[in-house]
Amino acid sequence: MTVNHVGPGWVKSYLNDRSPSLQTPSDEAATLALIPAGRPGTPDEMGEAVRFLASEEAGYVTGTYLRVDGGFVVGAF
């Protein structure tokens, strides 16, 4: 048995459309400036991370926190 955690960054989806911090184009540009990848993630990219962790290829991976955030945490420092 494995137990892992996916930590998504900003994902471009309807869930975030109402985010108070992303109401104007300048809000979005300011957030994008913090992400080294230069764009938000996609739901498919989050799903690929989960797919990997649930696959046999990750059978020996456990206790992992996988950031899928385009480098946001690194870019913040």
PDB file of N, CA and C in Angstrom:
ATOM      1  N   MET A   1       0.839  -1.179   0.000  1.00  0.00           N
ATOM      2  CA  MET A   1       0.000   0.000   0.000  1.00  0.00           C
ATOM      3  C   MET A   1       0.883   1.241   0.000  1.00  0.00           C
ATOM      4  N   THR A   2       0.498   2.231  -0.783  1.00  0.00           N
ATOM      5  CA  THR A   2       1.216   3.504  -0.790  1.00  0.00           C
ATOM      6  C   THR A   2       0.251   4.630  -0.441  1.00  0.00           C
ATOM      7  N   VAL A   3       0.794   5.670   0.129  1.00  0.00           N
ATOM      8  CA  VAL A   3       0.012   6.859   0.457  1.00  0.00           C
ATOM      9  C   VAL A   3       0.823   8.058   0.011  1.00  0.00           C
ATOM     10  N   ASN A   4       0.263   8.844  -0.905  1.00  0.00           N
ATOM     11  CA  ASN A   4       0.944  10.019  -1.436  1.00  0.00           C
ATOM     12  C   ASN A   4      -0.030  11.179  -1.523  1.00  0.00           C
ATOM     13  N   HIS A   5       0.505  12.354  -1.787  1.00  0.00           N
ATOM     14  CA  HIS A   5      -0.305  13.569  -1.824  1.00  0.00           C
ATOM     15  C   HIS A   5       0.129  14.398  -3.024  1.00  0.00           C
ATOM     16  N   VAL A   6      -0.826  14.868  -3.811  1.00  0.00           N
ATOM     17  CA  VAL A   6      -0.538  15.779  -4.908  1.00  0.00           C
ATOM     18  C   VAL A   6      -0.919  17.184  -4.446  1.00  0.00           C
ATOM     19  N   GLY A   7       0.024  18.111  -4.574  1.00  0.00           N
ATOM     20  CA  GLY A   7      -0.203  19.501  -4.192  1.00  0.00           C
ATOM     21  C   GLY A   7      -0.307  20.368  -5.433  1.00  0.00           C
ATOM     22  N   PRO A   8      -1.514  20.599  -5.929  1.00  0.00           N
ATOM     23  CA  PRO A   8      -1.647  21.389  -7.153  1.00  0.00           C
ATOM     24  C   PRO A   8      -1.404  22.866  -6.908  1.00  0.00           C
ATOM     25  N   GLY A   9      -0.849  23.495  -7.915  1.00  0.00           N
ATOM     26  CA  GLY A   9      -0.739  24.952  -7.910  1.00  0.00           C
ATOM     27  C   GLY A   9      -2.011  25.534  -8.511  1.00  0.00           C
ATOM     28  N   TRP A  10      -1.869  26.684  -9.154  1.00  0.00           N
ATOM     29  CA  TRP A  10      -3.007  27.322  -9.789  1.00  0.00           C
ATOM     30  C   TRP A  10      -3.409  26.490 -11.004  1.00  0.00           C
ATOM     31  N   VAL A  11      -4.628  26.000 -10.997  1.00  0.00           N
ATOM     32  CA  VAL A  11      -5.154  25.207 -12.099  1.00  0.00           C
ATOM     33  C   VAL A  11      -6.219  26.039 -12.798  1.00  0.00           C
ATOM     34  N   LYS A  12      -6.060  26.203 -14.095  1.00  0.00           N
ATOM     35  CA  LYS A  12      -7.042  26.957 -14.868  1.00  0.00           C
ATOM     36  C   LYS A  12      -8.289  26.089 -15.019  1.00  0.00           C
ATOM     37  N   SER A  13      -9.295  26.392 -14.193  1.00  0.00           N
ATOM     38  CA  SER A  13     -10.538  25.630 -14.221  1.00  0.00           C
ATOM     39  C   SER A  13     -11.660  26.504 -13.690  1.00  0.00           C
ATOM     40  N   TYR A  14     -12.864  26.044 -13.859  1.00  0.00           N
ATOM     41  CA  TYR A  14     -14.016  26.803 -13.367  1.00  0.00           C
ATOM     42  C   TYR A  14     -13.979  26.990 -11.862  1.00  0.00           C
ATOM     43  N   LEU A  15     -13.326  26.086 -11.165  1.00  0.00           N
ATOM     44  CA  LEU A  15     -13.229  26.191  -9.710  1.00  0.00           C
ATOM     45  C   LEU A  15     -12.553  27.498  -9.293  1.00  0.00           C
ATOM     46  N   ASN A  16     -11.553  27.931 -10.056  1.00  0.00           N
ATOM     47  CA  ASN A  16     -10.806  29.144  -9.710  1.00  0.00           C
ATOM     48  C   ASN A  16     -11.337  30.402 -10.379  1.00  0.00           C
ATOM     49  N   ASP A  17     -12.332  30.297 -11.231  1.00  0.00           N
ATOM     50  CA  ASP A  17     -12.842  31.475 -11.933  1.00  0.00           C
ATOM     51  C   ASP A  17     -13.336  32.557 -10.984  1.00  0.00           C
ATOM     52  N   ARG A  18     -13.811  32.159  -9.823  1.00  0.00           N
ATOM     53  CA  ARG A  18     -14.364  33.135  -8.873  1.00  0.00           C
ATOM     54  C   ARG A  18     -13.363  33.530  -7.786  1.00  0.00           C
ATOM     55  N   SER A  19     -12.122  33.146  -7.953  1.00  0.00           N
ATOM     56  CA  SER A  19     -11.113  33.454  -6.938  1.00  0.00           C
ATOM     57  C   SER A  19     -11.000  34.962  -6.753  1.00  0.00           C
ATOM     58  N   PRO A  20     -11.081  35.457  -5.522  1.00  0.00           N
ATOM     59  CA  PRO A  20     -10.984  36.895  -5.278  1.00  0.00           C
ATOM     60  C   PRO A  20      -9.656  37.484  -5.754  1.00  0.00           C
ATOM     61  N   SER A  21      -8.616  36.670  -5.818  1.00  0.00           N
ATOM     62  CA  SER A  21      -7.315  37.197  -6.220  1.00  0.00           C
ATOM     63  C   SER A  21      -7.098  37.157  -7.732  1.00  0.00           C
ATOM     64  N   LEU A  22      -8.090  36.717  -8.500  1.00  0.00           N
ATOM     65  CA  LEU A  22      -7.941  36.608  -9.958  1.00  0.00           C
ATOM     66  C   LEU A  22      -9.102  37.270 -10.693  1.00  0.00           C
ATOM     67  N   GLN A  23      -9.506  38.443 -10.251  1.00  0.00           N
ATOM     68  CA  GLN A  23     -10.683  39.083 -10.832  1.00  0.00           C
ATOM     69  C   GLN A  23     -10.387  39.945 -12.057  1.00  0.00           C
ATOM     70  N   THR A  24      -9.184  40.449 -12.191  1.00  0.00           N
ATOM     71  CA  THR A  24      -8.861  41.328 -13.318  1.00  0.00           C
ATOM     72  C   THR A  24      -7.680  40.764 -14.094  1.00  0.00           C
ATOM     73  N   PRO A  25      -7.483  41.223 -15.333  1.00  0.00           N
ATOM     74  CA  PRO A  25      -6.318  40.774 -16.091  1.00  0.00           C
ATOM     75  C   PRO A  25      -4.999  41.095 -15.373  1.00  0.00           C
ATOM     76  N   SER A  26      -4.946  42.200 -14.650  1.00  0.00           N
ATOM     77  CA  SER A  26      -3.703  42.522 -13.930  1.00  0.00           C
ATOM     78  C   SER A  26      -3.501  41.579 -12.745  1.00  0.00           C
ATOM     79  N   ASP A  27      -4.587  41.125 -12.108  1.00  0.00           N
ATOM     80  CA  ASP A  27      -4.476  40.117 -11.051  1.00  0.00           C
ATOM     81  C   ASP A  27      -3.874  38.836 -11.613  1.00  0.00           C
ATOM     82  N   GLU A  28      -4.389  38.432 -12.770  1.00  0.00           N
ATOM     83  CA  GLU A  28      -3.908  37.197 -13.394  1.00  0.00           C
ATOM     84  C   GLU A  28      -2.435  37.343 -13.798  1.00  0.00           C
ATOM     85  N   ALA A  29      -2.070  38.467 -14.365  1.00  0.00           N
ATOM     86  CA  ALA A  29      -0.676  38.701 -14.780  1.00  0.00           C
ATOM     87  C   ALA A  29       0.265  38.676 -13.580  1.00  0.00           C
ATOM     88  N   ALA A  30      -0.158  39.255 -12.465  1.00  0.00           N
ATOM     89  CA  ALA A  30       0.675  39.268 -11.264  1.00  0.00           C
ATOM     90  C   ALA A  30       0.885  37.860 -10.733  1.00  0.00           C
ATOM     91  N   THR A  31      -0.146  37.039 -10.795  1.00  0.00           N
ATOM     92  CA  THR A  31      -0.021  35.652 -10.345  1.00  0.00           C
ATOM     93  C   THR A  31       0.876  34.862 -11.290  1.00  0.00           C
ATOM     94  N   LEU A  32       0.678  35.049 -12.589  1.00  0.00           N
ATOM     95  CA  LEU A  32       1.510  34.342 -13.567  1.00  0.00           C
ATOM     96  C   LEU A  32       2.983  34.697 -13.428  1.00  0.00           C
ATOM     97  N   ALA A  33       3.275  35.926 -13.014  1.00  0.00           N
ATOM     98  CA  ALA A  33       4.660  36.358 -12.843  1.00  0.00           C
ATOM     99  C   ALA A  33       5.369  35.561 -11.753  1.00  0.00           C
ATOM    100  N   LEU A  34       4.614  34.965 -10.842  1.00  0.00           N
ATOM    101  CA  LEU A  34       5.185  34.180  -9.749  1.00  0.00           C
ATOM    102  C   LEU A  34       5.431  32.720 -10.132  1.00  0.00           C
ATOM    103  N   ILE A  35       4.935  32.308 -11.294  1.00  0.00           N
ATOM    104  CA  ILE A  35       5.040  30.908 -11.705  1.00  0.00           C
ATOM    105  C   ILE A  35       6.131  30.799 -12.773  1.00  0.00           C
ATOM    106  N   PRO A  36       7.253  30.147 -12.465  1.00  0.00           N
ATOM    107  CA  PRO A  36       8.312  30.023 -13.460  1.00  0.00           C
ATOM    108  C   PRO A  36       7.868  29.399 -14.786  1.00  0.00           C
ATOM    109  N   ALA A  37       6.887  28.509 -14.753  1.00  0.00           N
ATOM    110  CA  ALA A  37       6.394  27.912 -15.994  1.00  0.00           C
ATOM    111  C   ALA A  37       5.648  28.933 -16.847  1.00  0.00           C
ATOM    112  N   GLY A  38       5.233  30.049 -16.246  1.00  0.00           N
ATOM    113  CA  GLY A  38       4.588  31.130 -16.981  1.00  0.00           C
ATOM    114  C   GLY A  38       3.139  30.920 -17.336  1.00  0.00           C
ATOM    115  N   ARG A  39       2.523  29.912 -16.753  1.00  0.00           N
ATOM    116  CA  ARG A  39       1.110  29.640 -17.052  1.00  0.00           C
ATOM    117  C   ARG A  39       0.511  28.814 -15.929  1.00  0.00           C
ATOM    118  N   PRO A  40      -0.814  28.825 -15.828  1.00  0.00           N
ATOM    119  CA  PRO A  40      -1.444  27.929 -14.856  1.00  0.00           C
ATOM    120  C   PRO A  40      -1.393  26.492 -15.356  1.00  0.00           C
ATOM    121  N   GLY A  41      -1.597  25.562 -14.448  1.00  0.00           N
ATOM    122  CA  GLY A  41      -1.671  24.157 -14.825  1.00  0.00           C
ATOM    123  C   GLY A  41      -3.029  23.836 -15.420  1.00  0.00           C
ATOM    124  N   THR A  42      -3.157  22.621 -15.903  1.00  0.00           N
ATOM    125  CA  THR A  42      -4.434  22.165 -16.451  1.00  0.00           C
ATOM    126  C   THR A  42      -4.941  21.001 -15.604  1.00  0.00           C
ATOM    127  N   PRO A  43      -6.234  20.777 -15.617  1.00  0.00           N
ATOM    128  CA  PRO A  43      -6.759  19.610 -14.912  1.00  0.00           C
ATOM    129  C   PRO A  43      -6.108  18.311 -15.401  1.00  0.00           C
ATOM    130  N   ASP A  44      -5.825  18.224 -16.698  1.00  0.00           N
ATOM    131  CA  ASP A  44      -5.182  17.021 -17.231  1.00  0.00           C
ATOM    132  C   ASP A  44      -3.802  16.801 -16.613  1.00  0.00           C
ATOM    133  N   GLU A  45      -3.052  17.873 -16.397  1.00  0.00           N
ATOM    134  CA  GLU A  45      -1.730  17.731 -15.786  1.00  0.00           C
ATOM    135  C   GLU A  45      -1.823  17.229 -14.355  1.00  0.00           C
ATOM    136  N   MET A  46      -2.836  17.678 -13.628  1.00  0.00           N
ATOM    137  CA  MET A  46      -3.023  17.175 -12.264  1.00  0.00           C
ATOM    138  C   MET A  46      -3.378  15.687 -12.312  1.00  0.00           C
ATOM    139  N   GLY A  47      -4.237  15.329 -13.269  1.00  0.00           N
ATOM    140  CA  GLY A  47      -4.629  13.938 -13.423  1.00  0.00           C
ATOM    141  C   GLY A  47      -3.453  13.042 -13.784  1.00  0.00           C
ATOM    142  N   GLU A  48      -2.527  13.537 -14.585  1.00  0.00           N
ATOM    143  CA  GLU A  48      -1.350  12.751 -14.951  1.00  0.00           C
ATOM    144  C   GLU A  48      -0.477  12.476 -13.735  1.00  0.00           C
ATOM    145  N   ALA A  49      -0.367  13.447 -12.839  1.00  0.00           N
ATOM    146  CA  ALA A  49       0.404  13.235 -11.606  1.00  0.00           C
ATOM    147  C   ALA A  49      -0.256  12.149 -10.751  1.00  0.00           C
ATOM    148  N   VAL A  50      -1.567  12.215 -10.634  1.00  0.00           N
ATOM    149  CA  VAL A  50      -2.302  11.204  -9.865  1.00  0.00           C
ATOM    150  C   VAL A  50      -2.183   9.843 -10.546  1.00  0.00           C
ATOM    151  N   ARG A  51      -2.314   9.822 -11.880  1.00  0.00           N
ATOM    152  CA  ARG A  51      -2.186   8.575 -12.623  1.00  0.00           C
ATOM    153  C   ARG A  51      -0.823   7.931 -12.356  1.00  0.00           C
ATOM    154  N   PHE A  52       0.244   8.735 -12.393  1.00  0.00           N
ATOM    155  CA  PHE A  52       1.566   8.193 -12.128  1.00  0.00           C
ATOM    156  C   PHE A  52       1.640   7.589 -10.726  1.00  0.00           C
ATOM    157  N   LEU A  53       1.186   8.332  -9.729  1.00  0.00           N
ATOM    158  CA  LEU A  53       1.285   7.841  -8.354  1.00  0.00           C
ATOM    159  C   LEU A  53       0.436   6.586  -8.125  1.00  0.00           C
ATOM    160  N   ALA A  54      -0.611   6.420  -8.926  1.00  0.00           N
ATOM    161  CA  ALA A  54      -1.466   5.233  -8.789  1.00  0.00           C
ATOM    162  C   ALA A  54      -0.986   4.063  -9.653  1.00  0.00           C
ATOM    163  N   SER A  55       0.052   4.297 -10.450  1.00  0.00           N
ATOM    164  CA  SER A  55       0.513   3.253 -11.375  1.00  0.00           C
ATOM    165  C   SER A  55       1.531   2.319 -10.718  1.00  0.00           C
ATOM    166  N   GLU A  56       1.795   1.215 -11.398  1.00  0.00           N
ATOM    167  CA  GLU A  56       2.806   0.278 -10.927  1.00  0.00           C
ATOM    168  C   GLU A  56       4.195   0.910 -10.937  1.00  0.00           C
ATOM    169  N   GLU A  57       4.433   1.855 -11.846  1.00  0.00           N
ATOM    170  CA  GLU A  57       5.730   2.528 -11.914  1.00  0.00           C
ATOM    171  C   GLU A  57       6.065   3.262 -10.617  1.00  0.00           C
ATOM    172  N   ALA A  58       5.062   3.647  -9.872  1.00  0.00           N
ATOM    173  CA  ALA A  58       5.277   4.348  -8.603  1.00  0.00           C
ATOM    174  C   ALA A  58       5.048   3.419  -7.412  1.00  0.00           C
ATOM    175  N   GLY A  59       5.158   2.128  -7.650  1.00  0.00           N
ATOM    176  CA  GLY A  59       4.883   1.154  -6.593  1.00  0.00           C
ATOM    177  C   GLY A  59       5.759   1.282  -5.362  1.00  0.00           C
ATOM    178  N   TYR A  60       6.938   1.858  -5.506  1.00  0.00           N
ATOM    179  CA  TYR A  60       7.845   2.009  -4.366  1.00  0.00           C
ATOM    180  C   TYR A  60       7.875   3.450  -3.851  1.00  0.00           C
ATOM    181  N   VAL A  61       6.982   4.281  -4.365  1.00  0.00           N
ATOM    182  CA  VAL A  61       6.885   5.674  -3.938  1.00  0.00           C
ATOM    183  C   VAL A  61       5.782   5.763  -2.892  1.00  0.00           C
ATOM    184  N   THR A  62       6.126   6.170  -1.695  1.00  0.00           N
ATOM    185  CA  THR A  62       5.121   6.338  -0.647  1.00  0.00           C
ATOM    186  C   THR A  62       5.554   7.449   0.304  1.00  0.00           C
ATOM    187  N   GLY A  63       4.587   8.117   0.871  1.00  0.00           N
ATOM    188  CA  GLY A  63       4.875   9.217   1.780  1.00  0.00           C
ATOM    189  C   GLY A  63       5.348  10.464   1.062  1.00  0.00           C
ATOM    190  N   THR A  64       5.029  10.584  -0.209  1.00  0.00           N
ATOM    191  CA  THR A  64       5.521  11.692  -1.026  1.00  0.00           C
ATOM    192  C   THR A  64       4.479  12.787  -1.164  1.00  0.00           C
ATOM    193  N   TYR A  65       4.972  14.033  -1.107  1.00  0.00           N
ATOM    194  CA  TYR A  65       4.154  15.207  -1.407  1.00  0.00           C
ATOM    195  C   TYR A  65       4.655  15.720  -2.744  1.00  0.00           C
ATOM    196  N   LEU A  66       3.883  15.505  -3.796  1.00  0.00           N
ATOM    197  CA  LEU A  66       4.285  15.890  -5.143  1.00  0.00           C
ATOM    198  C   LEU A  66       3.657  17.224  -5.510  1.00  0.00           C
ATOM    199  N   ARG A  67       4.502  18.241  -5.584  1.00  0.00           N
ATOM    200  CA  ARG A  67       4.015  19.559  -6.005  1.00  0.00           C
ATOM    201  C   ARG A  67       3.874  19.563  -7.517  1.00  0.00           C
ATOM    202  N   VAL A  68       2.709  19.947  -7.976  1.00  0.00           N
ATOM    203  CA  VAL A  68       2.450  20.081  -9.411  1.00  0.00           C
ATOM    204  C   VAL A  68       1.986  21.525  -9.584  1.00  0.00           C
ATOM    205  N   ASP A  69       2.971  22.432  -9.537  1.00  0.00           N
ATOM    206  CA  ASP A  69       2.644  23.858  -9.452  1.00  0.00           C
ATOM    207  C   ASP A  69       3.431  24.746 -10.414  1.00  0.00           C
ATOM    208  N   GLY A  70       4.073  24.144 -11.405  1.00  0.00           N
ATOM    209  CA  GLY A  70       4.818  24.948 -12.385  1.00  0.00           C
ATOM    210  C   GLY A  70       6.000  25.686 -11.789  1.00  0.00           C
ATOM    211  N   GLY A  71       6.441  25.276 -10.613  1.00  0.00           N
ATOM    212  CA  GLY A  71       7.557  25.936  -9.941  1.00  0.00           C
ATOM    213  C   GLY A  71       7.148  27.097  -9.062  1.00  0.00           C
ATOM    214  N   PHE A  72       5.863  27.246  -8.795  1.00  0.00           N
ATOM    215  CA  PHE A  72       5.359  28.383  -7.999  1.00  0.00           C
ATOM    216  C   PHE A  72       6.086  28.530  -6.680  1.00  0.00           C
ATOM    217  N   VAL A  73       6.236  27.436  -5.946  1.00  0.00           N
ATOM    218  CA  VAL A  73       6.878  27.521  -4.626  1.00  0.00           C
ATOM    219  C   VAL A  73       8.334  27.971  -4.776  1.00  0.00           C
ATOM    220  N   VAL A  74       9.015  27.450  -5.778  1.00  0.00           N
ATOM    221  CA  VAL A  74      10.402  27.867  -6.016  1.00  0.00           C
ATOM    222  C   VAL A  74      10.447  29.326  -6.452  1.00  0.00           C
ATOM    223  N   GLY A  75       9.531  29.743  -7.323  1.00  0.00           N
ATOM    224  CA  GLY A  75       9.496  31.109  -7.810  1.00  0.00           C
ATOM    225  C   GLY A  75       9.163  32.132  -6.744  1.00  0.00           C
ATOM    226  N   ALA A  76       8.486  31.694  -5.684  1.00  0.00           N
ATOM    227  CA  ALA A  76       8.115  32.611  -4.607  1.00  0.00           C
ATOM    228  C   ALA A  76       9.312  33.003  -3.752  1.00  0.00           C
ATOM    229  N   PHE A  77      10.413  32.254  -3.861  1.00  0.00           N
ATOM    230  CA  PHE A  77      11.587  32.545  -3.035  1.00  0.00           C
ATOM    231  C   PHE A  77      12.650  33.102  -3.899  1.00  0.00           C
TER     232      PHE A  77
END
